[in-house]
Amino acid sequence: MLAVLLLTGCIANGGGTQATSTPPPLTVQEAPASNAPLETTQASTKIPVYWIGRSKEEVYLYREFRDISGDGNPVTTALKIMMAEKPLDHDFFTPWQEPASLATSISGKNVITVDISRDAFNSNLDAGMAQRAVQQLVYTATAAASSSGLINSGQQIQVVILVDGHKDYMAFGQVQLGEPMTRDASLVAPLWIIDPQEETTLPTGLVKFNGRSTDSSKPIAWQVLQDNGKGEKTSLLTGQTQATGEPGQYGLFTFGATLKAGQYEVRVSQVDSAGNTIATSTDTRLFRVG
């Protein structure tokens, strides 16, 4: 009834709250140099947007691609989506509020300036969540600029956040703004599913799954479950695959399954050196076939 298509490096086996720990506040002076690679330029009507999500006791940044229309400023568009809309994946969220004003610009030195009104910060956050919210903006702005070809992704990109045109605003009362900031690679999710996106409907037959891992040396354990429509899920297929790329570096992974019509969930997790799945690296997607 179900069969899995093994791609390179895949092994298939048929088979049946808010974060409790928060890291110290991040100040601009302590922000590490970014080693989180930027998105590549693409000719597409989709734009990358980052959200916050929980994986067990950890809280990370996750990326989705959103459809856009028109030829407006892609950085401004992405940030408006991040602040005013909800993520497709129900496991993600944003603490930002829709601002009364939002403007962006890019200098010739790969510095993105974002000027937003203070009503965007109308959420009560602890230091750890405020740190992630600010990095959510940094990641989204740099991703939108890089993927649309507005900046050179081979160079370091910085983001300056102004509030009502002024520096030194304390974001959510926790993080001081106004100085150049870069991506903090420690806050991005260890892995996530790129395709399919949440609640996508796909044709019956071969379904291809694509994702991204921060460490190509760690195998990726995957599982496809079927939902009976009553909230009960049954495991149908499990397997492992390996992300491409140099060990310890970012890489992409892929695998596939041939599925009949129905509702499904796919789960992926990194695997440690002992062969155990790392619970805090798990990502899931709900999708339909047929």
C-alpha atoms as a PDB file:
ATOM      1  CA  MET A   1       0.000   0.000   0.000  1.00  0.00           C
ATOM      2  CA  LEU A   2       2.814   2.331   0.848  1.00  0.00           C
ATOM      3  CA  ALA A   3       6.299   2.269  -0.483  1.00  0.00           C
ATOM      4  CA  VAL A   4       9.279   4.458   0.109  1.00  0.00           C
ATOM      5  CA  LEU A   5      11.592   5.689  -2.582  1.00  0.00           C
ATOM      6  CA  LEU A   6      15.140   5.613  -1.298  1.00  0.00           C
ATOM      7  CA  LEU A   7      17.247   8.511  -2.390  1.00  0.00           C
ATOM      8  CA  THR A   8      20.996   8.759  -2.067  1.00  0.00           C
ATOM      9  CA  GLY A   9      22.043   8.093   1.530  1.00  0.00           C
ATOM     10  CA  CYS A  10      18.556   7.106   2.712  1.00  0.00           C
ATOM     11  CA  ILE A  11      17.713   3.951   4.676  1.00  0.00           C
ATOM     12  CA  ALA A  12      14.029   3.118   5.009  1.00  0.00           C
ATOM     13  CA  ASN A  13      12.397   0.760   7.477  1.00  0.00           C
ATOM     14  CA  GLY A  14       8.695  -0.015   7.276  1.00  0.00           C
ATOM     15  CA  GLY A  15       7.223   0.560  10.699  1.00  0.00           C
ATOM     16  CA  GLY A  16       4.359   0.661  12.291  1.00  0.00           C
ATOM     17  CA  THR A  17       5.435  25.596  27.090  1.00  0.00           C
ATOM     18  CA  GLN A  18       7.264  28.296  27.163  1.00  0.00           C
ATOM     19  CA  ALA A  19      10.969  27.719  27.515  1.00  0.00           C
ATOM     20  CA  THR A  20      11.984  27.136  31.133  1.00  0.00           C
ATOM     21  CA  SER A  21      15.581  28.208  30.640  1.00  0.00           C
ATOM     22  CA  THR A  22      16.580  31.528  29.155  1.00  0.00           C
ATOM     23  CA  PRO A  23      20.069  32.623  28.166  1.00  0.00           C
ATOM     24  CA  PRO A  24      21.541  35.866  29.493  1.00  0.00           C
ATOM     25  CA  PRO A  25      20.451  39.026  27.669  1.00  0.00           C
ATOM     26  CA  LEU A  26      22.272  39.736  24.432  1.00  0.00           C
ATOM     27  CA  THR A  27      23.774  43.176  24.103  1.00  0.00           C
ATOM     28  CA  VAL A  28      25.019  44.588  20.832  1.00  0.00           C
ATOM     29  CA  GLN A  29      28.593  44.505  22.096  1.00  0.00           C
ATOM     30  CA  GLU A  30      28.353  40.785  22.866  1.00  0.00           C
ATOM     31  CA  ALA A  31      26.725  39.806  19.579  1.00  0.00           C
ATOM     32  CA  PRO A  32      28.896  37.173  17.883  1.00  0.00           C
ATOM     33  CA  ALA A  33      30.097  37.516  14.319  1.00  0.00           C
ATOM     34  CA  SER A  34      27.592  35.707  12.146  1.00  0.00           C
ATOM     35  CA  ASN A  35      28.472  32.272  10.823  1.00  0.00           C
ATOM     36  CA  ALA A  36      24.902  31.554   9.779  1.00  0.00           C
ATOM     37  CA  PRO A  37      24.909  31.390   5.975  1.00  0.00           C
ATOM     38  CA  LEU A  38      22.608  33.686   4.062  1.00  0.00           C
ATOM     39  CA  GLU A  39      19.901  32.618   1.661  1.00  0.00           C
ATOM     40  CA  THR A  40      20.936  32.478  -1.979  1.00  0.00           C
ATOM     41  CA  THR A  41      19.450  34.714  -4.644  1.00  0.00           C
ATOM     42  CA  GLN A  42      16.419  33.200  -6.344  1.00  0.00           C
ATOM     43  CA  ALA A  43      13.959  34.267  -9.009  1.00  0.00           C
ATOM     44  CA  SER A  44      10.729  33.520  -7.188  1.00  0.00           C
ATOM     45  CA  THR A  45       7.439  34.987  -6.005  1.00  0.00           C
ATOM     46  CA  LYS A  46       8.194  33.631  -2.518  1.00  0.00           C
ATOM     47  CA  ILE A  47      10.053  35.434   0.239  1.00  0.00           C
ATOM     48  CA  PRO A  48      11.752  33.984   3.362  1.00  0.00           C
ATOM     49  CA  VAL A  49      10.311  34.922   6.752  1.00  0.00           C
ATOM     50  CA  TYR A  50      11.580  33.741  10.142  1.00  0.00           C
ATOM     51  CA  TRP A  51       9.421  32.775  13.108  1.00  0.00           C
ATOM     52  CA  ILE A  52      10.016  31.579  16.662  1.00  0.00           C
ATOM     53  CA  GLY A  53       9.239  27.975  17.562  1.00  0.00           C
ATOM     54  CA  ARG A  54       9.764  25.561  20.459  1.00  0.00           C
ATOM     55  CA  SER A  55      11.462  22.184  20.241  1.00  0.00           C
ATOM     56  CA  LYS A  56      11.056  20.535  23.646  1.00  0.00           C
ATOM     57  CA  GLU A  57      12.676  22.910  26.147  1.00  0.00           C
ATOM     58  CA  GLU A  58      14.568  24.906  23.503  1.00  0.00           C
ATOM     59  CA  VAL A  59      13.350  27.935  21.550  1.00  0.00           C
ATOM     60  CA  TYR A  60      14.726  28.538  18.048  1.00  0.00           C
ATOM     61  CA  LEU A  61      14.224  30.536  14.865  1.00  0.00           C
ATOM     62  CA  TYR A  62      12.583  28.725  11.942  1.00  0.00           C
ATOM     63  CA  ARG A  63      12.090  29.820   8.335  1.00  0.00           C
ATOM     64  CA  GLU A  64       9.067  29.699   6.047  1.00  0.00           C
ATOM     65  CA  PHE A  65       8.611  30.942   2.496  1.00  0.00           C
ATOM     66  CA  ARG A  66       5.591  33.156   1.891  1.00  0.00           C
ATOM     67  CA  ASP A  67       3.930  34.093  -1.380  1.00  0.00           C
ATOM     68  CA  ILE A  68       4.205  37.735  -2.401  1.00  0.00           C
ATOM     69  CA  SER A  69       2.831  39.791  -5.258  1.00  0.00           C
ATOM     70  CA  GLY A  70       3.922  43.061  -6.763  1.00  0.00           C
ATOM     71  CA  ASP A  71       7.368  44.595  -6.867  1.00  0.00           C
ATOM     72  CA  GLY A  72       7.544  46.335  -3.498  1.00  0.00           C
ATOM     73  CA  ASN A  73      10.620  46.443  -1.271  1.00  0.00           C
ATOM     74  CA  PRO A  74      11.187  42.769  -0.354  1.00  0.00           C
ATOM     75  CA  VAL A  75      12.755  43.575   3.024  1.00  0.00           C
ATOM     76  CA  THR A  76       9.844  45.760   4.068  1.00  0.00           C
ATOM     77  CA  THR A  77       7.386  43.173   2.734  1.00  0.00           C
ATOM     78  CA  ALA A  78       8.995  40.322   4.665  1.00  0.00           C
ATOM     79  CA  LEU A  79       9.076  42.301   7.906  1.00  0.00           C
ATOM     80  CA  LYS A  80       5.423  43.312   7.517  1.00  0.00           C
ATOM     81  CA  ILE A  81       4.505  39.638   7.140  1.00  0.00           C
ATOM     82  CA  MET A  82       6.609  38.768  10.202  1.00  0.00           C
ATOM     83  CA  MET A  83       4.913  41.408  12.354  1.00  0.00           C
ATOM     84  CA  ALA A  84       1.337  41.449  11.051  1.00  0.00           C
ATOM     85  CA  GLU A  85       0.589  37.884   9.922  1.00  0.00           C
ATOM     86  CA  LYS A  86       0.580  34.435  11.453  1.00  0.00           C
ATOM     87  CA  PRO A  87       3.019  31.676  10.447  1.00  0.00           C
ATOM     88  CA  LEU A  88       1.740  28.803   8.326  1.00  0.00           C
ATOM     89  CA  ASP A  89       3.066  26.268  10.834  1.00  0.00           C
ATOM     90  CA  HIS A  90       0.953  26.212  13.990  1.00  0.00           C
ATOM     91  CA  ASP A  91       4.055  25.346  16.029  1.00  0.00           C
ATOM     92  CA  PHE A  92       5.553  28.766  15.279  1.00  0.00           C
ATOM     93  CA  PHE A  93       4.652  32.230  16.550  1.00  0.00           C
ATOM     94  CA  THR A  94       5.788  35.861  16.556  1.00  0.00           C
ATOM     95  CA  PRO A  95       5.823  38.249  19.536  1.00  0.00           C
ATOM     96  CA  TRP A  96       5.841  41.303  17.253  1.00  0.00           C
ATOM     97  CA  GLN A  97       2.820  43.555  16.770  1.00  0.00           C
ATOM     98  CA  GLU A  98       1.821  45.246  13.518  1.00  0.00           C
ATOM     99  CA  PRO A  99       3.543  48.661  13.541  1.00  0.00           C
ATOM    100  CA  ALA A 100       1.949  51.925  12.492  1.00  0.00           C
ATOM    101  CA  SER A 101       5.057  52.687  10.447  1.00  0.00           C
ATOM    102  CA  LEU A 102       7.854  50.594   8.975  1.00  0.00           C
ATOM    103  CA  ALA A 103      10.588  51.596   6.537  1.00  0.00           C
ATOM    104  CA  THR A 104      13.824  49.951   5.397  1.00  0.00           C
ATOM    105  CA  SER A 105      16.886  50.950   3.420  1.00  0.00           C
ATOM    106  CA  ILE A 106      20.193  49.342   2.413  1.00  0.00           C
ATOM    107  CA  SER A 107      23.547  51.128   2.266  1.00  0.00           C
ATOM    108  CA  GLY A 108      26.356  50.359  -0.145  1.00  0.00           C
ATOM    109  CA  LYS A 109      28.224  48.687   2.726  1.00  0.00           C
ATOM    110  CA  ASN A 110      25.638  45.917   3.196  1.00  0.00           C
ATOM    111  CA  VAL A 111      23.986  47.592   6.170  1.00  0.00           C
ATOM    112  CA  ILE A 112      20.210  47.277   6.360  1.00  0.00           C
ATOM    113  CA  THR A 113      18.482  50.009   8.357  1.00  0.00           C
ATOM    114  CA  VAL A 114      15.034  49.208   9.718  1.00  0.00           C
ATOM    115  CA  ASP A 115      12.996  52.065  11.189  1.00  0.00           C
ATOM    116  CA  ILE A 116       9.847  50.959  13.014  1.00  0.00           C
ATOM    117  CA  SER A 117       7.359  52.602  15.337  1.00  0.00           C
ATOM    118  CA  ARG A 118       7.410  51.675  19.011  1.00  0.00           C
ATOM    119  CA  ASP A 119       3.981  50.043  18.927  1.00  0.00           C
ATOM    120  CA  ALA A 120       5.639  47.000  17.311  1.00  0.00           C
ATOM    121  CA  PHE A 121       7.060  46.152  20.750  1.00  0.00           C
ATOM    122  CA  ASN A 122       3.751  45.907  22.628  1.00  0.00           C
ATOM    123  CA  SER A 123       4.515  42.486  24.120  1.00  0.00           C
ATOM    124  CA  ASN A 124       5.883  41.554  27.535  1.00  0.00           C
ATOM    125  CA  LEU A 125       8.909  39.320  26.986  1.00  0.00           C
ATOM    126  CA  ASP A 126      11.672  38.007  29.198  1.00  0.00           C
ATOM    127  CA  ALA A 127      15.290  38.570  28.199  1.00  0.00           C
ATOM    128  CA  GLY A 128      15.684  35.295  26.329  1.00  0.00           C
ATOM    129  CA  MET A 129      12.547  35.733  24.238  1.00  0.00           C
ATOM    130  CA  ALA A 130      13.334  39.387  23.528  1.00  0.00           C
ATOM    131  CA  GLN A 131      16.751  38.326  22.284  1.00  0.00           C
ATOM    132  CA  ARG A 132      15.117  35.854  19.901  1.00  0.00           C
ATOM    133  CA  ALA A 133      12.560  38.393  18.710  1.00  0.00           C
ATOM    134  CA  VAL A 134      15.278  40.871  17.766  1.00  0.00           C
ATOM    135  CA  GLN A 135      17.201  38.123  15.985  1.00  0.00           C
ATOM    136  CA  GLN A 136      13.966  37.115  14.220  1.00  0.00           C
ATOM    137  CA  LEU A 137      13.943  40.583  12.668  1.00  0.00           C
ATOM    138  CA  VAL A 138      17.658  40.429  11.826  1.00  0.00           C
ATOM    139  CA  TYR A 139      17.295  37.035  10.148  1.00  0.00           C
ATOM    140  CA  THR A 140      14.184  38.034   8.201  1.00  0.00           C
ATOM    141  CA  ALA A 141      15.640  41.314   6.948  1.00  0.00           C
ATOM    142  CA  THR A 142      18.933  39.747   5.829  1.00  0.00           C
ATOM    143  CA  ALA A 143      17.184  36.731   4.281  1.00  0.00           C
ATOM    144  CA  ALA A 144      14.817  38.894   2.241  1.00  0.00           C
ATOM    145  CA  ALA A 145      17.621  41.165   1.040  1.00  0.00           C
ATOM    146  CA  SER A 146      19.904  38.264   0.112  1.00  0.00           C
ATOM    147  CA  SER A 147      17.307  36.061  -1.596  1.00  0.00           C
ATOM    148  CA  SER A 148      16.081  39.002  -3.704  1.00  0.00           C
ATOM    149  CA  GLY A 149      19.613  39.911  -4.796  1.00  0.00           C
ATOM    150  CA  LEU A 150      19.672  43.310  -3.093  1.00  0.00           C
ATOM    151  CA  ILE A 151      22.904  42.516  -1.255  1.00  0.00           C
ATOM    152  CA  ASN A 152      25.956  40.368  -1.794  1.00  0.00           C
ATOM    153  CA  SER A 153      25.399  37.170   0.208  1.00  0.00           C
ATOM    154  CA  GLY A 154      29.149  36.520   0.180  1.00  0.00           C
ATOM    155  CA  GLN A 155      29.783  39.438   2.534  1.00  0.00           C
ATOM    156  CA  GLN A 156      28.794  40.047   6.129  1.00  0.00           C
ATOM    157  CA  ILE A 157      25.492  41.879   6.445  1.00  0.00           C
ATOM    158  CA  GLN A 158      24.538  44.039   9.396  1.00  0.00           C
ATOM    159  CA  VAL A 159      21.180  45.363  10.532  1.00  0.00           C
ATOM    160  CA  VAL A 160      20.592  48.636  12.378  1.00  0.00           C
ATOM    161  CA  ILE A 161      17.208  48.920  14.083  1.00  0.00           C
ATOM    162  CA  LEU A 162      15.831  52.389  14.747  1.00  0.00           C
ATOM    163  CA  VAL A 163      12.604  53.129  16.607  1.00  0.00           C
ATOM    164  CA  ASP A 164      10.750  56.233  15.439  1.00  0.00           C
ATOM    165  CA  GLY A 165      14.012  57.355  13.851  1.00  0.00           C
ATOM    166  CA  HIS A 166      16.057  57.133  17.054  1.00  0.00           C
ATOM    167  CA  LYS A 167      18.784  54.880  18.434  1.00  0.00           C
ATOM    168  CA  ASP A 168      19.149  53.398  21.930  1.00  0.00           C
ATOM    169  CA  TYR A 169      15.590  52.086  22.243  1.00  0.00           C
ATOM    170  CA  MET A 170      15.261  49.051  24.556  1.00  0.00           C
ATOM    171  CA  ALA A 171      13.407  46.410  22.546  1.00  0.00           C
ATOM    172  CA  PHE A 172      10.730  44.829  24.737  1.00  0.00           C
ATOM    173  CA  GLY A 173      12.528  46.525  27.631  1.00  0.00           C
ATOM    174  CA  GLN A 174      15.400  44.040  27.282  1.00  0.00           C
ATOM    175  CA  VAL A 175      17.678  44.523  24.234  1.00  0.00           C
ATOM    176  CA  GLN A 176      19.292  47.835  23.355  1.00  0.00           C
ATOM    177  CA  LEU A 177      18.970  48.773  19.689  1.00  0.00           C
ATOM    178  CA  GLY A 178      20.656  51.284  17.405  1.00  0.00           C
ATOM    179  CA  GLU A 179      24.053  49.678  16.707  1.00  0.00           C
ATOM    180  CA  PRO A 180      24.828  47.240  13.839  1.00  0.00           C
ATOM    181  CA  MET A 181      23.762  43.676  14.587  1.00  0.00           C
ATOM    182  CA  THR A 182      24.519  40.400  12.794  1.00  0.00           C
ATOM    183  CA  ARG A 183      22.916  36.972  12.760  1.00  0.00           C
ATOM    184  CA  ASP A 184      23.441  34.937  15.928  1.00  0.00           C
ATOM    185  CA  ALA A 185      23.936  31.408  14.612  1.00  0.00           C
ATOM    186  CA  SER A 186      23.255  29.847  18.033  1.00  0.00           C
ATOM    187  CA  LEU A 187      19.578  30.827  17.882  1.00  0.00           C
ATOM    188  CA  VAL A 188      18.629  29.244  14.555  1.00  0.00           C
ATOM    189  CA  ALA A 189      16.951  25.806  14.678  1.00  0.00           C
ATOM    190  CA  PRO A 190      19.301  22.802  14.273  1.00  0.00           C
ATOM    191  CA  LEU A 191      17.163  21.645  11.360  1.00  0.00           C
ATOM    192  CA  TRP A 192      13.842  22.302   9.686  1.00  0.00           C
ATOM    193  CA  ILE A 193      11.677  20.990   6.892  1.00  0.00           C
ATOM    194  CA  ILE A 194      11.630  23.196   3.790  1.00  0.00           C
ATOM    195  CA  ASP A 195       9.104  21.215   1.725  1.00  0.00           C
ATOM    196  CA  PRO A 196       6.285  20.528   2.096  1.00  0.00           C
ATOM    197  CA  GLN A 197       5.133  23.567   4.017  1.00  0.00           C
ATOM    198  CA  GLU A 198       2.432  23.284   6.658  1.00  0.00           C
ATOM    199  CA  GLU A 199      -0.983  22.014   5.440  1.00  0.00           C
ATOM    200  CA  THR A 200       0.086  21.804   1.803  1.00  0.00           C
ATOM    201  CA  THR A 201      -2.001  19.508  -0.420  1.00  0.00           C
ATOM    202  CA  LEU A 202       0.079  17.304  -2.728  1.00  0.00           C
ATOM    203  CA  PRO A 203      -0.822  14.843  -5.504  1.00  0.00           C
ATOM    204  CA  THR A 204      -0.831  11.126  -4.752  1.00  0.00           C
ATOM    205  CA  GLY A 205       2.302   9.177  -5.550  1.00  0.00           C
ATOM    206  CA  LEU A 206       5.853  10.202  -4.804  1.00  0.00           C
ATOM    207  CA  VAL A 207       6.133  12.905  -2.153  1.00  0.00           C
ATOM    208  CA  LYS A 208       9.569  14.498  -1.828  1.00  0.00           C
ATOM    209  CA  PHE A 209      10.705  15.969   1.461  1.00  0.00           C
ATOM    210  CA  ASN A 210      13.479  18.569   1.652  1.00  0.00           C
ATOM    211  CA  GLY A 211      15.095  20.161   4.663  1.00  0.00           C
ATOM    212  CA  ARG A 212      18.107  21.920   6.087  1.00  0.00           C
ATOM    213  CA  SER A 213      20.441  20.906   8.918  1.00  0.00           C
ATOM    214  CA  THR A 214      23.063  23.001  10.711  1.00  0.00           C
ATOM    215  CA  ASP A 215      25.431  20.011  11.042  1.00  0.00           C
ATOM    216  CA  SER A 216      25.908  17.765   8.026  1.00  0.00           C
ATOM    217  CA  SER A 217      27.825  15.216  10.111  1.00  0.00           C
ATOM    218  CA  LYS A 218      24.679  14.272  12.041  1.00  0.00           C
ATOM    219  CA  PRO A 219      22.334  11.783  10.317  1.00  0.00           C
ATOM    220  CA  ILE A 220      18.674  12.788   9.976  1.00  0.00           C
ATOM    221  CA  ALA A 221      16.045  10.385  11.325  1.00  0.00           C
ATOM    222  CA  TRP A 222      12.667  10.767   9.643  1.00  0.00           C
ATOM    223  CA  GLN A 223       9.189   9.366  10.168  1.00  0.00           C
ATOM    224  CA  VAL A 224       5.955   9.587   8.177  1.00  0.00           C
ATOM    225  CA  LEU A 225       2.724   9.183  10.150  1.00  0.00           C
ATOM    226  CA  GLN A 226      -0.862   8.950   8.892  1.00  0.00           C
ATOM    227  CA  ASP A 227      -3.670  10.842  10.626  1.00  0.00           C
ATOM    228  CA  ASN A 228      -7.045   9.068  10.792  1.00  0.00           C
ATOM    229  CA  GLY A 229      -8.878  12.405  10.977  1.00  0.00           C
ATOM    230  CA  LYS A 230      -9.599  12.026  14.699  1.00  0.00           C
ATOM    231  CA  GLY A 231      -6.252  13.268  15.902  1.00  0.00           C
ATOM    232  CA  GLU A 232      -4.744   9.779  16.059  1.00  0.00           C
ATOM    233  CA  LYS A 233      -1.531   9.206  14.118  1.00  0.00           C
ATOM    234  CA  THR A 234      -0.033   5.879  13.070  1.00  0.00           C
ATOM    235  CA  SER A 235       3.614   5.485  12.110  1.00  0.00           C
ATOM    236  CA  LEU A 236       3.923   4.207   8.537  1.00  0.00           C
ATOM    237  CA  LEU A 237       7.531   4.678   7.518  1.00  0.00           C
ATOM    238  CA  THR A 238      10.813   5.502   9.218  1.00  0.00           C
ATOM    239  CA  GLY A 239      14.320   5.961   7.926  1.00  0.00           C
ATOM    240  CA  GLN A 240      17.529   7.926   7.931  1.00  0.00           C
ATOM    241  CA  THR A 241      19.194  10.248   5.471  1.00  0.00           C
ATOM    242  CA  GLN A 242      22.308  12.420   5.482  1.00  0.00           C
ATOM    243  CA  ALA A 243      22.582  16.106   4.753  1.00  0.00           C
ATOM    244  CA  THR A 244      24.976  17.201   2.031  1.00  0.00           C
ATOM    245  CA  GLY A 245      27.916  19.425   2.871  1.00  0.00           C
ATOM    246  CA  GLU A 246      31.048  19.378   4.990  1.00  0.00           C
ATOM    247  CA  PRO A 247      30.854  17.836   8.497  1.00  0.00           C
ATOM    248  CA  GLY A 248      29.861  20.444  11.057  1.00  0.00           C
ATOM    249  CA  GLN A 249      28.560  22.791   8.367  1.00  0.00           C
ATOM    250  CA  TYR A 250      25.091  23.599   7.052  1.00  0.00           C
ATOM    251  CA  GLY A 251      23.647  21.165   4.540  1.00  0.00           C
ATOM    252  CA  LEU A 252      20.455  20.086   2.814  1.00  0.00           C
ATOM    253  CA  PHE A 253      18.758  16.713   3.148  1.00  0.00           C
ATOM    254  CA  THR A 254      16.119  14.951   1.069  1.00  0.00           C
ATOM    255  CA  PHE A 255      14.071  11.758   1.068  1.00  0.00           C
ATOM    256  CA  GLY A 256      10.819  10.591  -0.468  1.00  0.00           C
ATOM    257  CA  ALA A 257       7.794   8.342  -0.003  1.00  0.00           C
ATOM    258  CA  THR A 258       5.008   7.123  -2.254  1.00  0.00           C
ATOM    259  CA  LEU A 259       1.719   7.860  -0.488  1.00  0.00           C
ATOM    260  CA  LYS A 260      -1.961   7.387  -1.224  1.00  0.00           C
ATOM    261  CA  ALA A 261      -4.652   9.972  -0.438  1.00  0.00           C
ATOM    262  CA  GLY A 262      -4.852  10.943   3.217  1.00  0.00           C
ATOM    263  CA  GLN A 263      -3.616  13.259   5.949  1.00  0.00           C
ATOM    264  CA  TYR A 264      -0.027  12.899   7.107  1.00  0.00           C
ATOM    265  CA  GLU A 265       2.659  14.247   9.387  1.00  0.00           C
ATOM    266  CA  VAL A 266       6.393  14.081   8.719  1.00  0.00           C
ATOM    267  CA  ARG A 267       8.908  14.339  11.564  1.00  0.00           C
ATOM    268  CA  VAL A 268      12.663  14.827  11.316  1.00  0.00           C
ATOM    269  CA  SER A 269      15.370  14.925  13.996  1.00  0.00           C
ATOM    270  CA  GLN A 270      19.140  14.973  14.105  1.00  0.00           C
ATOM    271  CA  VAL A 271      20.807  11.798  15.416  1.00  0.00           C
ATOM    272  CA  ASP A 272      23.685  11.890  17.913  1.00  0.00           C
ATOM    273  CA  SER A 273      26.870   9.778  17.864  1.00  0.00           C
ATOM    274  CA  ALA A 274      25.171   7.088  19.975  1.00  0.00           C
ATOM    275  CA  GLY A 275      22.399   6.678  17.407  1.00  0.00           C
ATOM    276  CA  ASN A 276      19.727   8.434  19.475  1.00  0.00           C
ATOM    277  CA  THR A 277      17.448  11.116  18.076  1.00  0.00           C
ATOM    278  CA  ILE A 278      18.023  14.581  19.522  1.00  0.00           C
ATOM    279  CA  ALA A 279      14.594  15.646  20.769  1.00  0.00           C
ATOM    280  CA  THR A 280      15.432  19.348  20.793  1.00  0.00           C
ATOM    281  CA  SER A 281      16.223  19.215  17.063  1.00  0.00           C
ATOM    282  CA  THR A 282      12.830  17.881  15.957  1.00  0.00           C
ATOM    283  CA  ASP A 283      10.669  19.579  13.320  1.00  0.00           C
ATOM    284  CA  THR A 284       7.271  18.455  12.022  1.00  0.00           C
ATOM    285  CA  ARG A 285       4.913  19.261   9.144  1.00  0.00           C
ATOM    286  CA  LEU A 286       1.258  18.409   8.583  1.00  0.00           C
ATOM    287  CA  PHE A 287       0.240  17.871   4.946  1.00  0.00           C
ATOM    288  CA  ARG A 288      -2.402  16.223   2.764  1.00  0.00           C
ATOM    289  CA  VAL A 289      -2.136  13.919  -0.212  1.00  0.00           C
ATOM    290  CA  GLY A 290      -4.834  13.584  -2.861  1.00  0.00           C
END
